[in-house]
Amino acid sequence: MQILPASDSSVIVIFGNEASLAVHGCVLRLFCRLQTLKDSRIRNIHPAHASVLIDFDPLQVQHAELMALLENLIPQDTGEVAGAGREIRIPVCYDRQLGPDLDDVAAHCKTPVEEVIQLHASADYLVSFLGFSPGFGYLAGLPAKLAIPRLLTPRKLVRACSVGIAGMQTGIYSVDSPGGWRIVGRTPLSMFDPEADPPTLLQYGDRVRFDPIDFREFESRLEIRRRR
């Protein structure tokens, strides 16, 4: 673990070089403790896979003082964080119309499509990072058997709410955008709404499960969402 100046008004705490669940637990504990402080000198807290970036007001506190504070906050325990994260269930339609890479994933993993779906939907996921686009959640916990590289050539357009796999992670596109993840399905839920509070469905530290639905239910839920 390292505590280092990151700019003239920020400090970064680095817990390791790998995005493991153990490292994520350390990041989440520090993030929660900093939030609980409600210290007016701290302007923003940015948790990532293996680090936490803390932006501060240089008129109120200096690097040395903040780094000393962080030294006392760094979690030494390894237990669960009380009240950290919510349990989110996300319906996903694993239909080939919405998951154009299902067959490629199955071929790469030497696994029938039905088993790919079962493995993907039965795993417990953790939101370990938010980035790339507003509300795009990087979810740790993908079964090792489903690990697959990104597309060699990214698509120019991936539809919002598409569920993809890349490496050892799964993720949900929050808006229409280019992307190179292997798309295996789509959810009828909105992942990003700038008018909502909060605007993103997923938050850092949330625990996620996927519930498979058929194409008819997907269209029905999507139509209900559009009418709201």
Protein backbone atom coordinates (compact mmCIF):
# COMPACT_ATOMS: atom_id res chain seq x y z
CA MET A 1 0.00 0.00 0.00
CA GLN A 2 1.25 3.51 -0.89
CA ILE A 3 0.02 7.03 -0.16
CA LEU A 4 1.35 9.49 -2.73
CA PRO A 5 0.74 13.08 -3.87
CA ALA A 6 -1.09 12.97 -7.21
CA SER A 7 -1.28 16.70 -7.98
CA ASP A 8 -1.14 20.02 -6.16
CA SER A 9 -4.60 19.27 -4.74
CA SER A 10 -4.92 15.50 -4.63
CA VAL A 11 -3.52 12.39 -2.98
CA ILE A 12 -3.78 8.80 -4.18
CA VAL A 13 -3.86 5.66 -2.05
CA ILE A 14 -2.70 2.59 -4.01
CA PHE A 15 -3.52 -0.84 -2.59
CA GLY A 16 -1.94 -3.00 -5.29
CA ASN A 17 -1.54 -3.73 -8.97
CA GLU A 18 -4.39 -6.21 -9.42
CA ALA A 19 -8.15 -5.72 -9.49
CA SER A 20 -8.84 -8.56 -7.05
CA LEU A 21 -11.81 -8.80 -4.70
CA ALA A 22 -9.45 -8.54 -1.70
CA VAL A 23 -7.97 -5.29 -3.00
CA HIS A 24 -11.43 -4.01 -3.86
CA GLY A 25 -12.46 -4.62 -0.25
CA CYS A 26 -9.65 -2.34 0.95
CA VAL A 27 -10.68 0.34 -1.56
CA LEU A 28 -14.33 0.10 -0.51
CA ARG A 29 -13.52 0.33 3.22
CA LEU A 30 -11.42 3.45 2.77
CA PHE A 31 -14.01 5.00 0.46
CA CYS A 32 -16.78 4.41 3.04
CA ARG A 33 -14.66 5.79 5.90
CA LEU A 34 -13.85 8.94 3.94
CA GLN A 35 -17.53 9.43 3.10
CA THR A 36 -18.46 9.03 6.76
CA LEU A 37 -15.99 11.75 7.76
CA LYS A 38 -17.87 14.43 5.79
CA ASP A 39 -14.67 16.48 5.96
CA SER A 40 -15.22 19.85 4.22
CA ARG A 41 -11.55 19.91 3.23
CA ILE A 42 -12.10 16.90 0.96
CA ARG A 43 -13.79 17.90 -2.29
CA ASN A 44 -14.13 14.58 -4.12
CA ILE A 45 -13.35 10.88 -3.60
CA HIS A 46 -12.67 8.72 -6.65
CA PRO A 47 -12.49 4.96 -5.97
CA ALA A 48 -11.04 2.71 -8.68
CA HIS A 49 -10.11 -0.97 -9.03
CA ALA A 50 -7.08 -0.80 -6.73
CA SER A 51 -6.79 2.81 -5.59
CA VAL A 52 -8.60 5.82 -4.18
CA LEU A 53 -7.92 9.35 -5.44
CA ILE A 54 -8.77 12.11 -2.95
CA ASP A 55 -9.19 15.68 -4.19
CA PHE A 56 -8.80 18.31 -1.47
CA ASP A 57 -8.97 22.07 -1.00
CA PRO A 58 -5.34 23.26 -0.83
CA LEU A 59 -6.45 26.42 0.98
CA GLN A 60 -7.68 24.31 3.91
CA VAL A 61 -5.26 21.39 4.10
CA GLN A 62 -1.85 20.38 2.78
CA HIS A 63 -0.57 17.07 1.46
CA ALA A 64 1.27 16.10 4.64
CA GLU A 65 -1.74 16.66 6.90
CA LEU A 66 -4.12 14.78 4.64
CA MET A 67 -1.66 11.91 4.18
CA ALA A 68 -1.34 11.63 7.97
CA LEU A 69 -5.14 11.48 8.23
CA LEU A 70 -5.24 8.74 5.62
CA GLU A 71 -2.60 6.72 7.47
CA ASN A 72 -5.06 6.41 10.38
CA LEU A 73 -8.00 5.59 8.12
CA ILE A 74 -6.37 2.84 6.06
CA PRO A 75 -8.37 -0.33 6.86
CA GLN A 76 -6.48 -3.12 8.59
CA ASP A 77 -9.48 -5.42 8.89
CA THR A 78 -10.70 -7.74 6.13
CA GLY A 79 -14.34 -8.15 7.13
CA GLU A 80 -17.36 -6.89 5.23
CA VAL A 81 -18.13 -3.18 5.32
CA ALA A 82 -21.33 -2.58 7.26
CA GLY A 83 -23.96 -0.93 5.09
CA ALA A 84 -21.67 -0.75 2.06
CA GLY A 85 -23.28 -1.31 -1.29
CA ARG A 86 -26.79 -2.38 -2.22
CA GLU A 87 -28.05 -5.61 -3.72
CA ILE A 88 -29.22 -4.92 -7.28
CA ARG A 89 -31.04 -7.44 -9.46
CA ILE A 90 -30.92 -6.69 -13.16
CA PRO A 91 -33.12 -8.50 -15.70
CA VAL A 92 -31.20 -9.49 -18.83
CA CYS A 93 -32.46 -10.93 -22.10
CA TYR A 94 -29.82 -13.33 -23.46
CA ASP A 95 -31.40 -13.50 -26.91
CA ARG A 96 -29.16 -13.60 -29.99
CA GLN A 97 -30.95 -10.50 -31.33
CA LEU A 98 -29.64 -8.61 -28.30
CA GLY A 99 -26.50 -10.66 -27.65
CA PRO A 100 -24.74 -10.88 -31.03
CA ASP A 101 -21.54 -12.31 -29.50
CA LEU A 102 -23.13 -15.20 -27.60
CA ASP A 103 -22.05 -17.77 -30.16
CA ASP A 104 -18.50 -16.41 -30.32
CA VAL A 105 -18.21 -16.51 -26.52
CA ALA A 106 -19.51 -20.08 -26.50
CA ALA A 107 -17.03 -21.12 -29.21
CA HIS A 108 -14.09 -19.43 -27.48
CA CYS A 109 -14.96 -20.99 -24.11
CA LYS A 110 -15.82 -24.36 -25.69
CA THR A 111 -19.14 -24.22 -23.86
CA PRO A 112 -22.74 -24.47 -25.14
CA VAL A 113 -24.59 -21.14 -25.34
CA GLU A 114 -27.08 -22.32 -22.72
CA GLU A 115 -24.23 -22.93 -20.26
CA VAL A 116 -22.68 -19.55 -21.04
CA ILE A 117 -25.98 -17.92 -20.11
CA GLN A 118 -26.34 -20.03 -16.97
CA LEU A 119 -22.79 -19.26 -15.81
CA HIS A 120 -23.10 -15.55 -16.52
CA ALA A 121 -26.45 -15.20 -14.78
CA SER A 122 -25.60 -17.30 -11.73
CA ALA A 123 -22.52 -15.34 -10.64
CA ASP A 124 -22.37 -12.75 -7.86
CA TYR A 125 -20.90 -9.47 -9.14
CA LEU A 126 -19.43 -6.42 -7.47
CA VAL A 127 -19.33 -2.90 -8.95
CA SER A 128 -15.59 -2.31 -8.70
CA PHE A 129 -15.37 0.81 -10.86
CA LEU A 130 -17.55 3.34 -12.68
CA GLY A 131 -16.15 4.93 -15.80
CA PHE A 132 -15.78 4.98 -19.59
CA SER A 133 -19.22 6.61 -19.83
CA PRO A 134 -21.63 7.92 -17.15
CA GLY A 135 -22.88 4.96 -15.13
CA PHE A 136 -20.90 2.26 -16.96
CA GLY A 137 -20.21 -0.28 -14.23
CA TYR A 138 -17.22 -2.58 -14.35
CA LEU A 139 -18.39 -5.72 -12.54
CA ALA A 140 -15.93 -8.09 -10.90
CA GLY A 141 -16.92 -11.71 -10.34
CA LEU A 142 -17.18 -13.11 -13.86
CA PRO A 143 -16.69 -16.90 -13.84
CA ALA A 144 -13.15 -17.67 -15.06
CA LYS A 145 -14.53 -20.03 -17.70
CA LEU A 146 -16.15 -17.05 -19.49
CA ALA A 147 -13.01 -14.91 -19.74
CA ILE A 148 -12.56 -13.67 -23.31
CA PRO A 149 -10.55 -10.86 -24.95
CA ARG A 150 -12.21 -7.74 -26.33
CA LEU A 151 -13.08 -7.58 -30.02
CA LEU A 152 -10.06 -6.89 -32.23
CA THR A 153 -12.04 -4.09 -33.90
CA PRO A 154 -14.52 -2.26 -31.65
CA ARG A 155 -18.03 -1.68 -32.90
CA LYS A 156 -18.89 1.87 -33.91
CA LEU A 157 -22.16 1.59 -32.00
CA VAL A 158 -23.19 -0.50 -29.01
CA ARG A 159 -26.73 0.09 -27.82
CA ALA A 160 -27.30 1.45 -24.32
CA CYS A 161 -28.10 -1.23 -21.71
CA SER A 162 -26.15 -3.92 -23.59
CA VAL A 163 -24.39 -6.42 -21.32
CA GLY A 164 -20.86 -7.30 -22.33
CA ILE A 165 -17.84 -9.39 -21.34
CA ALA A 166 -14.18 -8.36 -21.63
CA GLY A 167 -11.30 -10.16 -19.96
CA MET A 168 -12.34 -11.15 -16.43
CA GLN A 169 -15.11 -8.55 -16.14
CA THR A 170 -18.65 -7.99 -17.28
CA GLY A 171 -20.21 -4.57 -17.78
CA ILE A 172 -23.36 -2.76 -18.86
CA TYR A 173 -23.23 0.03 -21.43
CA SER A 174 -25.07 3.02 -19.99
CA VAL A 175 -25.45 5.01 -23.23
CA ASP A 176 -25.14 4.37 -26.97
CA SER A 177 -21.41 4.42 -27.70
CA PRO A 178 -18.58 2.67 -29.53
CA GLY A 179 -17.30 -0.40 -27.71
CA GLY A 180 -15.26 -3.55 -27.99
CA TRP A 181 -16.80 -5.76 -25.30
CA ARG A 182 -18.45 -9.05 -26.31
CA ILE A 183 -22.19 -8.42 -26.12
CA VAL A 184 -24.20 -11.31 -24.63
CA GLY A 185 -27.53 -9.63 -23.85
CA ARG A 186 -29.38 -6.47 -22.90
CA THR A 187 -31.39 -5.21 -19.95
CA PRO A 188 -34.64 -3.22 -20.24
CA LEU A 189 -33.57 -1.09 -17.27
CA SER A 190 -32.15 2.38 -17.75
CA MET A 191 -28.57 2.56 -16.50
CA PHE A 192 -28.21 6.35 -16.81
CA ASP A 193 -30.82 9.08 -16.47
CA PRO A 194 -29.43 12.65 -16.12
CA GLU A 195 -32.76 13.76 -14.62
CA ALA A 196 -32.73 11.17 -11.84
CA ASP A 197 -31.11 11.42 -8.42
CA PRO A 198 -28.72 9.69 -8.47
CA PRO A 199 -28.44 9.65 -12.28
CA THR A 200 -26.81 6.20 -12.43
CA LEU A 201 -28.51 2.94 -11.48
CA LEU A 202 -25.27 1.36 -10.26
CA GLN A 203 -23.10 2.83 -7.53
CA TYR A 204 -19.60 1.88 -6.47
CA GLY A 205 -19.65 -1.15 -4.16
CA ASP A 206 -23.09 -2.42 -5.20
CA ARG A 207 -23.60 -6.18 -5.46
CA VAL A 208 -25.30 -7.30 -8.68
CA ARG A 209 -27.16 -10.41 -9.84
CA PHE A 210 -28.60 -10.96 -13.32
CA ASP A 211 -32.07 -12.44 -13.83
CA PRO A 212 -32.59 -14.03 -17.30
CA ILE A 213 -35.78 -12.98 -19.10
CA ASP A 214 -37.11 -13.91 -22.54
CA PHE A 215 -37.46 -11.54 -25.49
CA ARG A 216 -41.19 -10.99 -24.95
CA GLU A 217 -40.66 -9.90 -21.34
CA PHE A 218 -37.76 -7.69 -22.42
CA GLU A 219 -39.96 -5.85 -24.93
CA SER A 220 -42.80 -5.58 -22.40
CA ARG A 221 -40.56 -4.04 -19.73
CA LEU A 222 -38.94 -1.74 -22.26
CA GLU A 223 -42.34 -0.47 -23.40
CA ILE A 224 -43.40 0.19 -19.78
CA ARG A 225 -40.19 2.17 -19.23
CA ARG A 226 -40.76 4.25 -22.35
CA ARG A 227 -44.27 5.21 -21.22
CA ARG A 228 -43.07 6.60 -17.90
